[in-house]
PDB file of all heavy atoms in Angstrom:
ATOM      1  N   ILE A   1    -141.324 227.886  93.937  1.00  0.00           N
ATOM      2  CA  ILE A   1    -142.662 227.475  94.379  1.00  0.00           C
ATOM      3  C   ILE A   1    -143.189 228.463  95.427  1.00  0.00           C
ATOM      4  O   ILE A   1    -144.375 228.772  95.473  1.00  0.00           O
ATOM      5  CB  ILE A   1    -142.657 226.010  94.926  1.00  0.00           C
ATOM      6  CG1 ILE A   1    -144.062 225.566  95.334  1.00  0.00           C
ATOM      7  CG2 ILE A   1    -141.732 225.827  96.107  1.00  0.00           C
ATOM      8  CD1 ILE A   1    -144.935 225.119  94.237  1.00  0.00           C
ATOM      9  N   GLY A   2    -142.285 229.012  96.235  1.00  0.00           N
ATOM     10  CA  GLY A   2    -142.680 230.016  97.219  1.00  0.00           C
ATOM     11  C   GLY A   2    -143.234 231.270  96.572  1.00  0.00           C
ATOM     12  O   GLY A   2    -144.248 231.824  97.009  1.00  0.00           O
ATOM     13  N   GLU A   3    -142.595 231.699  95.494  1.00  0.00           N
ATOM     14  CA  GLU A   3    -143.052 232.896  94.772  1.00  0.00           C
ATOM     15  C   GLU A   3    -144.403 232.635  94.093  1.00  0.00           C
ATOM     16  O   GLU A   3    -145.260 233.521  94.050  1.00  0.00           O
ATOM     17  CB  GLU A   3    -142.003 233.311  93.737  1.00  0.00           C
ATOM     18  CG  GLU A   3    -140.786 233.995  94.366  1.00  0.00           C
ATOM     19  CD  GLU A   3    -139.632 234.135  93.374  1.00  0.00           C
ATOM     20  OE1 GLU A   3    -139.884 234.030  92.154  1.00  0.00           O
ATOM     21  OE2 GLU A   3    -138.483 234.335  93.836  1.00  0.00           O
ATOM     22  N   ARG A   4    -144.592 231.427  93.593  1.00  0.00           N
ATOM     23  CA  ARG A   4    -145.857 231.096  92.927  1.00  0.00           C
ATOM     24  C   ARG A   4    -147.015 231.042  93.925  1.00  0.00           C
ATOM     25  O   ARG A   4    -148.108 231.509  93.644  1.00  0.00           O
ATOM     26  CB  ARG A   4    -145.746 229.747  92.202  1.00  0.00           C
ATOM     27  CG  ARG A   4    -144.987 229.804  90.899  1.00  0.00           C
ATOM     28  CD  ARG A   4    -145.418 228.704  89.932  1.00  0.00           C
ATOM     29  NE  ARG A   4    -145.338 227.365  90.505  1.00  0.00           N
ATOM     30  CZ  ARG A   4    -144.208 226.649  90.583  1.00  0.00           C
ATOM     31  NH1 ARG A   4    -143.071 227.155  90.147  1.00  0.00           N
ATOM     32  NH2 ARG A   4    -144.237 225.431  91.084  1.00  0.00           N
ATOM     33  N   LEU A   5    -146.746 230.485  95.085  1.00  0.00           N
ATOM     34  CA  LEU A   5    -147.807 230.344  96.088  1.00  0.00           C
ATOM     35  C   LEU A   5    -148.133 231.659  96.780  1.00  0.00           C
ATOM     36  O   LEU A   5    -149.284 231.946  97.086  1.00  0.00           O
ATOM     37  CB  LEU A   5    -147.384 229.310  97.150  1.00  0.00           C
ATOM     38  CG  LEU A   5    -147.364 227.849  96.725  1.00  0.00           C
ATOM     39  CD1 LEU A   5    -146.623 227.008  97.764  1.00  0.00           C
ATOM     40  CD2 LEU A   5    -148.780 227.328  96.551  1.00  0.00           C
ATOM     41  N   GLY A   6    -147.099 232.456  97.029  1.00  0.00           N
ATOM     42  CA  GLY A   6    -147.291 233.709  97.757  1.00  0.00           C
ATOM     43  C   GLY A   6    -147.685 233.444  99.208  1.00  0.00           C
ATOM     44  O   GLY A   6    -147.620 232.319  99.708  1.00  0.00           O
ATOM     45  N   TRP A   7    -148.126 234.499  99.891  1.00  0.00           N
ATOM     46  CA  TRP A   7    -148.475 234.399 101.301  1.00  0.00           C
ATOM     47  C   TRP A   7    -149.969 234.223 101.557  1.00  0.00           C
ATOM     48  O   TRP A   7    -150.365 233.751 102.616  1.00  0.00           O
ATOM     49  CB  TRP A   7    -147.984 235.654 102.039  1.00  0.00           C
ATOM     50  CG  TRP A   7    -146.524 235.597 102.364  1.00  0.00           C
ATOM     51  CD1 TRP A   7    -145.481 235.906 101.538  1.00  0.00           C
ATOM     52  CD2 TRP A   7    -145.936 235.192 103.605  1.00  0.00           C
ATOM     53  NE1 TRP A   7    -144.287 235.718 102.176  1.00  0.00           N
ATOM     54  CE2 TRP A   7    -144.530 235.288 103.454  1.00  0.00           C
ATOM     55  CE3 TRP A   7    -146.460 234.772 104.826  1.00  0.00           C
ATOM     56  CZ2 TRP A   7    -143.642 234.976 104.481  1.00  0.00           C
ATOM     57  CZ3 TRP A   7    -145.578 234.454 105.854  1.00  0.00           C
ATOM     58  CH2 TRP A   7    -144.184 234.552 105.679  1.00  0.00           C
ATOM     59  N   ASP A   8    -150.776 234.620 100.607  1.00  0.00           N
ATOM     60  CA  ASP A   8    -152.220 234.640 100.843  1.00  0.00           C
ATOM     61  C   ASP A   8    -152.958 233.633  99.962  1.00  0.00           C
ATOM     62  O   ASP A   8    -152.555 233.398  98.815  1.00  0.00           O
ATOM     63  CB  ASP A   8    -152.758 236.049 100.604  1.00  0.00           C
ATOM     64  CG  ASP A   8    -152.101 237.056 101.538  1.00  0.00           C
ATOM     65  OD1 ASP A   8    -152.175 236.853 102.768  1.00  0.00           O
ATOM     66  OD2 ASP A   8    -151.500 238.029 101.043  1.00  0.00           O
ATOM     67  N   PRO A   9    -154.034 233.050 100.491  1.00  0.00           N
ATOM     68  CA  PRO A   9    -154.814 232.063  99.728  1.00  0.00           C
ATOM     69  C   PRO A   9    -155.355 232.650  98.429  1.00  0.00           C
ATOM     70  O   PRO A   9    -155.691 233.832  98.366  1.00  0.00           O
ATOM     71  CB  PRO A   9    -155.970 231.713 100.678  1.00  0.00           C
ATOM     72  CG  PRO A   9    -155.530 232.143 102.036  1.00  0.00           C
ATOM     73  CD  PRO A   9    -154.601 233.300 101.826  1.00  0.00           C
ATOM     74  N   LYS A  10    -155.429 231.805  97.418  1.00  0.00           N
ATOM     75  CA  LYS A  10    -155.985 232.221  96.131  1.00  0.00           C
ATOM     76  C   LYS A  10    -157.369 231.586  95.954  1.00  0.00           C
ATOM     77  O   LYS A  10    -157.644 230.542  96.531  1.00  0.00           O
ATOM     78  CB  LYS A  10    -155.047 231.790  95.003  1.00  0.00           C
ATOM     79  CG  LYS A  10    -153.700 232.514  95.044  1.00  0.00           C
ATOM     80  CD  LYS A  10    -152.750 231.975  93.989  1.00  0.00           C
ATOM     81  CE  LYS A  10    -151.442 232.762  93.978  1.00  0.00           C
ATOM     82  NZ  LYS A  10    -150.738 232.748  95.260  1.00  0.00           N
ATOM     83  N   PRO A  11    -158.241 232.226  95.184  1.00  0.00           N
ATOM     84  CA  PRO A  11    -159.594 231.676  94.967  1.00  0.00           C
ATOM     85  C   PRO A  11    -159.529 230.245  94.435  1.00  0.00           C
ATOM     86  O   PRO A  11    -158.717 229.940  93.556  1.00  0.00           O
ATOM     87  CB  PRO A  11    -160.198 232.618  93.922  1.00  0.00           C
ATOM     88  CG  PRO A  11    -159.424 233.892  94.070  1.00  0.00           C
ATOM     89  CD  PRO A  11    -158.032 233.495  94.459  1.00  0.00           C
ATOM     90  N   GLY A  12    -160.351 229.378  95.002  1.00  0.00           N
ATOM     91  CA  GLY A  12    -160.422 228.003  94.525  1.00  0.00           C
ATOM     92  C   GLY A  12    -159.347 227.078  95.065  1.00  0.00           C
ATOM     93  O   GLY A  12    -159.239 225.920  94.644  1.00  0.00           O
ATOM     94  N   GLU A  13    -158.556 227.582  95.984  1.00  0.00           N
ATOM     95  CA  GLU A  13    -157.495 226.759  96.552  1.00  0.00           C
ATOM     96  C   GLU A  13    -158.066 225.634  97.405  1.00  0.00           C
ATOM     97  O   GLU A  13    -159.092 225.787  98.059  1.00  0.00           O
ATOM     98  CB  GLU A  13    -156.601 227.621  97.468  1.00  0.00           C
ATOM     99  CG  GLU A  13    -155.297 227.991  96.839  1.00  0.00           C
ATOM    100  CD  GLU A  13    -154.367 228.647  97.843  1.00  0.00           C
ATOM    101  OE1 GLU A  13    -154.630 228.623  99.055  1.00  0.00           O
ATOM    102  OE2 GLU A  13    -153.374 229.208  97.382  1.00  0.00           O
ATOM    103  N   GLY A  14    -157.355 224.515  97.427  1.00  0.00           N
ATOM    104  CA  GLY A  14    -157.751 223.401  98.277  1.00  0.00           C
ATOM    105  C   GLY A  14    -156.919 223.354  99.556  1.00  0.00           C
ATOM    106  O   GLY A  14    -155.998 224.155  99.743  1.00  0.00           O
ATOM    107  N   HIS A  15    -157.243 222.399 100.406  1.00  0.00           N
ATOM    108  CA  HIS A  15    -156.560 222.232 101.690  1.00  0.00           C
ATOM    109  C   HIS A  15    -155.070 221.968 101.492  1.00  0.00           C
ATOM    110  O   HIS A  15    -154.227 222.478 102.237  1.00  0.00           O
ATOM    111  CB  HIS A  15    -157.215 221.073 102.459  1.00  0.00           C
ATOM    112  CG  HIS A  15    -156.529 220.741 103.745  1.00  0.00           C
ATOM    113  ND1 HIS A  15    -156.369 221.646 104.776  1.00  0.00           N
ATOM    114  CD2 HIS A  15    -155.946 219.589 104.171  1.00  0.00           C
ATOM    115  CE1 HIS A  15    -155.733 221.076 105.783  1.00  0.00           C
ATOM    116  NE2 HIS A  15    -155.458 219.836 105.435  1.00  0.00           N
ATOM    117  N   LEU A  16    -154.733 221.171 100.475  1.00  0.00           N
ATOM    118  CA  LEU A  16    -153.331 220.822 100.240  1.00  0.00           C
ATOM    119  C   LEU A  16    -152.497 222.030  99.815  1.00  0.00           C
ATOM    120  O   LEU A  16    -151.300 222.090 100.092  1.00  0.00           O
ATOM    121  CB  LEU A  16    -153.208 219.707  99.203  1.00  0.00           C
ATOM    122  CG  LEU A  16    -153.649 218.313  99.665  1.00  0.00           C
ATOM    123  CD1 LEU A  16    -153.515 217.306  98.536  1.00  0.00           C
ATOM    124  CD2 LEU A  16    -152.844 217.857 100.881  1.00  0.00           C
ATOM    125  N   ASP A  17    -153.136 222.990  99.153  1.00  0.00           N
ATOM    126  CA  ASP A  17    -152.423 224.211  98.757  1.00  0.00           C
ATOM    127  C   ASP A  17    -152.016 225.010  99.998  1.00  0.00           C
ATOM    128  O   ASP A  17    -150.919 225.569 100.062  1.00  0.00           O
ATOM    129  CB  ASP A  17    -153.293 225.082  97.843  1.00  0.00           C
ATOM    130  CG  ASP A  17    -153.566 224.414  96.506  1.00  0.00           C
ATOM    131  OD1 ASP A  17    -152.592 224.022  95.850  1.00  0.00           O
ATOM    132  OD2 ASP A  17    -154.732 224.276  96.139  1.00  0.00           O
ATOM    133  N   ALA A  18    -152.917 225.069 100.973  1.00  0.00           N
ATOM    134  CA  ALA A  18    -152.611 225.769 102.222  1.00  0.00           C
ATOM    135  C   ALA A  18    -151.486 225.061 102.969  1.00  0.00           C
ATOM    136  O   ALA A  18    -150.575 225.707 103.514  1.00  0.00           O
ATOM    137  CB  ALA A  18    -153.858 225.858 103.103  1.00  0.00           C
ATOM    138  N   LEU A  19    -151.529 223.726 102.989  1.00  0.00           N
ATOM    139  CA  LEU A  19    -150.464 222.954 103.628  1.00  0.00           C
ATOM    140  C   LEU A  19    -149.128 223.183 102.925  1.00  0.00           C
ATOM    141  O   LEU A  19    -148.092 223.339 103.574  1.00  0.00           O
ATOM    142  CB  LEU A  19    -150.801 221.454 103.600  1.00  0.00           C
ATOM    143  CG  LEU A  19    -151.834 220.945 104.589  1.00  0.00           C
ATOM    144  CD1 LEU A  19    -152.074 219.457 104.372  1.00  0.00           C
ATOM    145  CD2 LEU A  19    -151.400 221.200 106.025  1.00  0.00           C
ATOM    146  N   LEU A  20    -149.171 223.193 101.599  1.00  0.00           N
ATOM    147  CA  LEU A  20    -147.952 223.403 100.812  1.00  0.00           C
ATOM    148  C   LEU A  20    -147.371 224.787 101.082  1.00  0.00           C
ATOM    149  O   LEU A  20    -146.155 224.942 101.247  1.00  0.00           O
ATOM    150  CB  LEU A  20    -148.246 223.227  99.318  1.00  0.00           C
ATOM    151  CG  LEU A  20    -147.060 223.401  98.365  1.00  0.00           C
ATOM    152  CD1 LEU A  20    -145.935 222.440  98.711  1.00  0.00           C
ATOM    153  CD2 LEU A  20    -147.507 223.189  96.917  1.00  0.00           C
ATOM    154  N   ARG A  21    -148.220 225.800 101.157  1.00  0.00           N
ATOM    155  CA  ARG A  21    -147.754 227.162 101.428  1.00  0.00           C
ATOM    156  C   ARG A  21    -147.015 227.209 102.782  1.00  0.00           C
ATOM    157  O   ARG A  21    -145.928 227.766 102.886  1.00  0.00           O
ATOM    158  CB  ARG A  21    -148.932 228.139 101.419  1.00  0.00           C
ATOM    159  CG  ARG A  21    -148.511 229.583 101.732  1.00  0.00           C
ATOM    160  CD  ARG A  21    -149.666 230.558 101.632  1.00  0.00           C
ATOM    161  NE  ARG A  21    -150.092 230.716 100.243  1.00  0.00           N
ATOM    162  CZ  ARG A  21    -151.189 230.199  99.726  1.00  0.00           C
ATOM    163  NH1 ARG A  21    -152.011 229.499 100.494  1.00  0.00           N
ATOM    164  NH2 ARG A  21    -151.487 230.381  98.464  1.00  0.00           N
ATOM    165  N   GLY A  22    -147.629 226.621 103.790  1.00  0.00           N
ATOM    166  CA  GLY A  22    -146.998 226.601 105.115  1.00  0.00           C
ATOM    167  C   GLY A  22    -145.669 225.878 105.106  1.00  0.00           C
ATOM    168  O   GLY A  22    -144.682 226.335 105.694  1.00  0.00           O
ATOM    169  N   LEU A  23    -145.627 224.741 104.414  1.00  0.00           N
ATOM    170  CA  LEU A  23    -144.392 223.954 104.311  1.00  0.00           C
ATOM    171  C   LEU A  23    -143.278 224.743 103.636  1.00  0.00           C
ATOM    172  O   LEU A  23    -142.159 224.832 104.146  1.00  0.00           O
ATOM    173  CB  LEU A  23    -144.678 222.673 103.521  1.00  0.00           C
ATOM    174  CG  LEU A  23    -143.467 221.795 103.198  1.00  0.00           C
ATOM    175  CD1 LEU A  23    -143.127 220.922 104.396  1.00  0.00           C
ATOM    176  CD2 LEU A  23    -143.737 220.923 101.980  1.00  0.00           C
ATOM    177  N   VAL A  24    -143.608 225.341 102.480  1.00  0.00           N
ATOM    178  CA  VAL A  24    -142.609 226.049 101.670  1.00  0.00           C
ATOM    179  C   VAL A  24    -142.114 227.310 102.376  1.00  0.00           C
ATOM    180  O   VAL A  24    -140.897 227.561 102.450  1.00  0.00           O
ATOM    181  CB  VAL A  24    -143.190 226.385 100.279  1.00  0.00           C
ATOM    182  CG1 VAL A  24    -142.264 227.328  99.515  1.00  0.00           C
ATOM    183  CG2 VAL A  24    -143.418 225.109  99.487  1.00  0.00           C
ATOM    184  N   LEU A  25    -143.032 228.106 102.915  1.00  0.00           N
ATOM    185  CA  LEU A  25    -142.615 229.343 103.583  1.00  0.00           C
ATOM    186  C   LEU A  25    -141.790 229.046 104.835  1.00  0.00           C
ATOM    187  O   LEU A  25    -140.827 229.764 105.128  1.00  0.00           O
ATOM    188  CB  LEU A  25    -143.844 230.183 103.938  1.00  0.00           C
ATOM    189  CG  LEU A  25    -144.590 230.788 102.747  1.00  0.00           C
ATOM    190  CD1 LEU A  25    -145.841 231.523 103.217  1.00  0.00           C
ATOM    191  CD2 LEU A  25    -143.689 231.737 101.943  1.00  0.00           C
ATOM    192  N   GLY A  26    -142.156 227.977 105.540  1.00  0.00           N
ATOM    193  CA  GLY A  26    -141.375 227.591 106.711  1.00  0.00           C
ATOM    194  C   GLY A  26    -139.971 227.170 106.333  1.00  0.00           C
ATOM    195  O   GLY A  26    -138.995 227.518 107.009  1.00  0.00           O
ATOM    196  N   LYS A  27    -139.860 226.424 105.256  1.00  0.00           N
ATOM    197  CA  LYS A  27    -138.549 225.951 104.798  1.00  0.00           C
ATOM    198  C   LYS A  27    -137.687 227.134 104.348  1.00  0.00           C
ATOM    199  O   LYS A  27    -136.496 227.218 104.693  1.00  0.00           O
ATOM    200  CB  LYS A  27    -138.742 224.980 103.632  1.00  0.00           C
ATOM    201  CG  LYS A  27    -137.592 224.025 103.431  1.00  0.00           C
ATOM    202  CD  LYS A  27    -137.584 222.942 104.470  1.00  0.00           C
ATOM    203  CE  LYS A  27    -136.490 221.913 104.207  1.00  0.00           C
ATOM    204  NZ  LYS A  27    -136.371 220.949 105.317  1.00  0.00           N
TER     205      LYS A  27
END
């Protein structure tokens, strides 16, 4: 999931996607 999300926001992303990215990268 970390590889799919990457580090940078993607076009059309929602708030939950940003939260998920932070959660996954932190873990």
